């Protein structure tokens, strides 16, 4: 669990631009769910670091909320409407 917390913190501090691009490319308009598999796959392709763990849906929701609030709002609105 601690490893994931460290990973998420590192993504926030050192890779915010890359994470934002990953979110924008993977969570395109109209996608009404968090594409955890796609997001993790793109994240693992970053050449700057490697890791064995995948992030959970909750981890991605946190990152989406922080780096792409418009995407977060769209996901939240769709889940409430459903």
N, C-alpha and C. Protein backbone atom coordinates (compact mmCIF):
# COMPACT_ATOMS: atom_id res chain seq x y z
N UNK A 1 0.82 -1.20 0.00
CA UNK A 1 0.00 0.00 0.00
C UNK A 1 0.87 1.26 0.00
N UNK A 2 1.91 1.26 0.78
CA UNK A 2 2.80 2.41 0.85
C UNK A 2 3.43 2.69 -0.50
N UNK A 3 3.76 1.63 -1.24
CA UNK A 3 4.36 1.81 -2.56
C UNK A 3 3.44 2.59 -3.48
N UNK A 4 2.15 2.31 -3.43
CA UNK A 4 1.19 3.02 -4.27
C UNK A 4 1.11 4.49 -3.88
N UNK A 5 1.14 4.76 -2.58
CA UNK A 5 1.10 6.14 -2.11
C UNK A 5 2.32 6.90 -2.60
N UNK A 6 3.46 6.27 -2.54
CA UNK A 6 4.69 6.90 -3.03
C UNK A 6 4.59 7.14 -4.53
N UNK A 7 4.09 6.16 -5.26
CA UNK A 7 3.93 6.29 -6.70
C UNK A 7 3.00 7.45 -7.04
N UNK A 8 1.84 7.52 -6.40
CA UNK A 8 0.88 8.58 -6.68
C UNK A 8 1.49 9.94 -6.35
N UNK A 9 2.19 10.05 -5.23
CA UNK A 9 2.85 11.30 -4.88
C UNK A 9 3.91 11.69 -5.91
N UNK A 10 4.67 10.72 -6.38
CA UNK A 10 5.69 10.98 -7.38
C UNK A 10 5.05 11.44 -8.69
N UNK A 11 3.93 10.83 -9.05
CA UNK A 11 3.22 11.24 -10.26
C UNK A 11 2.75 12.69 -10.14
N UNK A 12 2.27 13.05 -8.97
CA UNK A 12 1.81 14.42 -8.74
C UNK A 12 2.96 15.42 -8.83
N UNK A 13 4.07 15.07 -8.22
CA UNK A 13 5.18 16.02 -8.09
C UNK A 13 6.05 16.11 -9.34
N UNK A 14 6.35 14.99 -9.97
CA UNK A 14 7.35 14.98 -11.03
C UNK A 14 6.79 14.71 -12.43
N UNK A 15 5.61 14.16 -12.51
CA UNK A 15 5.08 13.75 -13.81
C UNK A 15 3.69 14.30 -14.07
N UNK A 16 3.39 15.45 -13.53
CA UNK A 16 2.03 15.99 -13.67
C UNK A 16 1.66 16.24 -15.13
N UNK A 17 2.59 16.76 -15.92
CA UNK A 17 2.28 17.01 -17.34
C UNK A 17 2.00 15.70 -18.08
N UNK A 18 2.82 14.69 -17.83
CA UNK A 18 2.65 13.40 -18.49
C UNK A 18 1.34 12.74 -18.09
N UNK A 19 1.00 12.82 -16.81
CA UNK A 19 -0.25 12.23 -16.33
C UNK A 19 -1.45 12.95 -16.94
N UNK A 20 -1.36 14.26 -17.04
CA UNK A 20 -2.45 15.03 -17.65
C UNK A 20 -2.64 14.61 -19.10
N UNK A 21 -1.56 14.44 -19.83
CA UNK A 21 -1.65 14.01 -21.23
C UNK A 21 -2.25 12.61 -21.33
N UNK A 22 -1.82 11.71 -20.45
CA UNK A 22 -2.36 10.35 -20.44
C UNK A 22 -3.87 10.38 -20.20
N UNK A 23 -4.29 11.17 -19.22
CA UNK A 23 -5.72 11.27 -18.91
C UNK A 23 -6.49 11.82 -20.11
N UNK A 24 -5.99 12.89 -20.70
CA UNK A 24 -6.69 13.52 -21.82
C UNK A 24 -6.76 12.59 -23.03
N UNK A 25 -5.73 11.79 -23.26
CA UNK A 25 -5.72 10.88 -24.40
C UNK A 25 -6.56 9.63 -24.17
N UNK A 26 -6.68 9.21 -22.92
CA UNK A 26 -7.37 7.96 -22.63
C UNK A 26 -8.83 8.18 -22.23
N UNK A 27 -9.11 9.24 -21.52
CA UNK A 27 -10.46 9.52 -21.04
C UNK A 27 -11.11 10.56 -21.94
N UNK A 28 -11.22 10.25 -23.22
CA UNK A 28 -11.77 11.21 -24.17
C UNK A 28 -13.26 11.41 -23.94
N UNK A 29 -13.76 12.48 -24.50
CA UNK A 29 -15.16 12.86 -24.33
C UNK A 29 -16.09 11.73 -24.75
N UNK A 30 -17.07 11.48 -23.94
CA UNK A 30 -18.05 10.44 -24.24
C UNK A 30 -17.78 9.12 -23.53
N UNK A 31 -16.56 8.93 -23.04
CA UNK A 31 -16.25 7.70 -22.30
C UNK A 31 -16.82 7.87 -20.90
N UNK A 32 -17.75 7.02 -20.54
CA UNK A 32 -18.48 7.22 -19.29
C UNK A 32 -17.97 6.35 -18.13
N UNK A 33 -16.76 5.87 -18.24
CA UNK A 33 -16.17 5.07 -17.16
C UNK A 33 -14.67 5.38 -17.11
N UNK A 34 -14.07 5.07 -15.99
CA UNK A 34 -12.63 5.26 -15.86
C UNK A 34 -11.96 4.05 -16.50
N UNK A 35 -11.22 4.27 -17.54
CA UNK A 35 -10.54 3.21 -18.28
C UNK A 35 -9.24 2.85 -17.56
N UNK A 36 -9.37 2.15 -16.45
CA UNK A 36 -8.23 1.83 -15.60
C UNK A 36 -7.16 1.07 -16.37
N UNK A 37 -7.57 0.10 -17.15
CA UNK A 37 -6.62 -0.70 -17.92
C UNK A 37 -5.85 0.17 -18.92
N UNK A 38 -6.56 1.01 -19.64
CA UNK A 38 -5.91 1.88 -20.62
C UNK A 38 -5.00 2.90 -19.97
N UNK A 39 -5.46 3.49 -18.87
CA UNK A 39 -4.65 4.48 -18.16
C UNK A 39 -3.37 3.85 -17.61
N UNK A 40 -3.50 2.67 -16.99
CA UNK A 40 -2.31 2.00 -16.45
C UNK A 40 -1.36 1.58 -17.56
N UNK A 41 -1.90 1.14 -18.68
CA UNK A 41 -1.07 0.73 -19.80
C UNK A 41 -0.23 1.91 -20.31
N UNK A 42 -0.86 3.05 -20.47
CA UNK A 42 -0.14 4.24 -20.95
C UNK A 42 0.86 4.73 -19.91
N UNK A 43 0.49 4.63 -18.64
CA UNK A 43 1.39 5.06 -17.58
C UNK A 43 2.66 4.21 -17.56
N UNK A 44 2.51 2.93 -17.77
CA UNK A 44 3.66 2.03 -17.75
C UNK A 44 4.61 2.28 -18.92
N UNK A 45 4.14 2.97 -19.94
CA UNK A 45 4.99 3.27 -21.09
C UNK A 45 5.90 4.48 -20.86
N UNK A 46 5.69 5.20 -19.76
CA UNK A 46 6.58 6.31 -19.45
C UNK A 46 8.00 5.77 -19.29
N UNK A 47 8.94 6.36 -19.95
CA UNK A 47 10.31 5.87 -19.91
C UNK A 47 11.08 6.37 -18.68
N UNK A 48 10.54 7.35 -18.01
CA UNK A 48 11.25 7.96 -16.89
C UNK A 48 11.35 7.06 -15.66
N UNK A 49 10.44 6.13 -15.52
CA UNK A 49 10.48 5.23 -14.38
C UNK A 49 9.71 3.96 -14.70
N UNK A 50 9.90 2.97 -13.87
CA UNK A 50 9.14 1.73 -14.04
C UNK A 50 8.58 1.32 -12.68
N UNK A 51 7.46 0.62 -12.72
CA UNK A 51 6.85 0.14 -11.49
C UNK A 51 6.07 -1.11 -11.81
N UNK A 52 5.82 -1.89 -10.78
CA UNK A 52 5.12 -3.16 -10.96
C UNK A 52 3.63 -3.07 -10.67
N UNK A 53 3.25 -2.15 -9.80
CA UNK A 53 1.85 -2.04 -9.40
C UNK A 53 1.05 -1.25 -10.41
N UNK A 54 -0.21 -1.55 -10.49
CA UNK A 54 -1.14 -0.75 -11.28
C UNK A 54 -1.94 0.10 -10.31
N UNK A 55 -2.39 1.24 -10.78
CA UNK A 55 -3.21 2.10 -9.95
C UNK A 55 -4.66 1.63 -10.01
N UNK A 56 -5.36 1.82 -8.91
CA UNK A 56 -6.76 1.41 -8.84
C UNK A 56 -7.66 2.50 -9.44
N UNK A 57 -8.92 2.19 -9.58
CA UNK A 57 -9.88 3.17 -10.07
C UNK A 57 -9.92 4.39 -9.15
N UNK A 58 -9.88 4.16 -7.84
CA UNK A 58 -9.89 5.28 -6.89
C UNK A 58 -8.65 6.16 -7.04
N UNK A 59 -7.48 5.52 -7.25
CA UNK A 59 -6.25 6.30 -7.48
C UNK A 59 -6.40 7.18 -8.70
N UNK A 60 -6.95 6.60 -9.77
CA UNK A 60 -7.12 7.37 -11.01
C UNK A 60 -8.15 8.47 -10.83
N UNK A 61 -9.22 8.22 -10.07
CA UNK A 61 -10.20 9.28 -9.81
C UNK A 61 -9.53 10.47 -9.13
N UNK A 62 -8.65 10.19 -8.17
CA UNK A 62 -7.91 11.26 -7.49
C UNK A 62 -7.08 12.07 -8.48
N UNK A 63 -6.34 11.37 -9.33
CA UNK A 63 -5.48 12.04 -10.30
C UNK A 63 -6.30 12.80 -11.34
N UNK A 64 -7.40 12.21 -11.78
CA UNK A 64 -8.27 12.89 -12.75
C UNK A 64 -8.85 14.15 -12.11
N UNK A 65 -9.29 14.05 -10.87
CA UNK A 65 -9.83 15.21 -10.15
C UNK A 65 -8.80 16.34 -10.09
N UNK A 66 -7.56 15.98 -9.83
CA UNK A 66 -6.51 16.98 -9.68
C UNK A 66 -6.02 17.56 -11.00
N UNK A 67 -5.83 16.71 -12.01
CA UNK A 67 -5.19 17.16 -13.23
C UNK A 67 -6.16 17.44 -14.39
N UNK A 68 -7.35 16.91 -14.34
CA UNK A 68 -8.32 17.12 -15.42
C UNK A 68 -9.72 17.25 -14.82
N UNK A 69 -9.96 18.35 -14.12
CA UNK A 69 -11.26 18.50 -13.43
C UNK A 69 -12.46 18.45 -14.36
N UNK A 70 -12.31 18.89 -15.61
CA UNK A 70 -13.43 18.83 -16.54
C UNK A 70 -13.78 17.38 -16.87
N UNK A 71 -12.79 16.52 -16.99
CA UNK A 71 -13.02 15.09 -17.22
C UNK A 71 -13.68 14.48 -15.98
N UNK A 72 -13.20 14.87 -14.81
CA UNK A 72 -13.77 14.37 -13.55
C UNK A 72 -15.25 14.76 -13.45
N UNK A 73 -15.54 16.02 -13.77
CA UNK A 73 -16.93 16.48 -13.71
C UNK A 73 -17.81 15.68 -14.65
N UNK A 74 -17.29 15.42 -15.85
CA UNK A 74 -18.06 14.65 -16.82
C UNK A 74 -18.32 13.22 -16.30
N UNK A 75 -17.30 12.59 -15.73
CA UNK A 75 -17.47 11.24 -15.17
C UNK A 75 -18.45 11.25 -14.00
N UNK A 76 -18.33 12.24 -13.12
CA UNK A 76 -19.20 12.33 -11.96
C UNK A 76 -20.65 12.57 -12.40
N UNK A 77 -20.84 13.45 -13.35
CA UNK A 77 -22.18 13.77 -13.83
C UNK A 77 -22.83 12.54 -14.46
N UNK A 78 -22.06 11.79 -15.25
CA UNK A 78 -22.62 10.62 -15.91
C UNK A 78 -23.00 9.54 -14.89
N UNK A 79 -22.19 9.38 -13.82
CA UNK A 79 -22.51 8.36 -12.83
C UNK A 79 -23.76 8.74 -12.03
N UNK A 80 -23.96 10.03 -11.81
CA UNK A 80 -25.16 10.48 -11.09
C UNK A 80 -26.39 10.31 -11.97
N UNK A 81 -26.25 10.61 -13.26
CA UNK A 81 -27.37 10.51 -14.19
C UNK A 81 -27.79 9.08 -14.46
N UNK A 82 -26.87 8.15 -14.29
CA UNK A 82 -27.16 6.73 -14.60
C UNK A 82 -27.96 6.08 -13.56
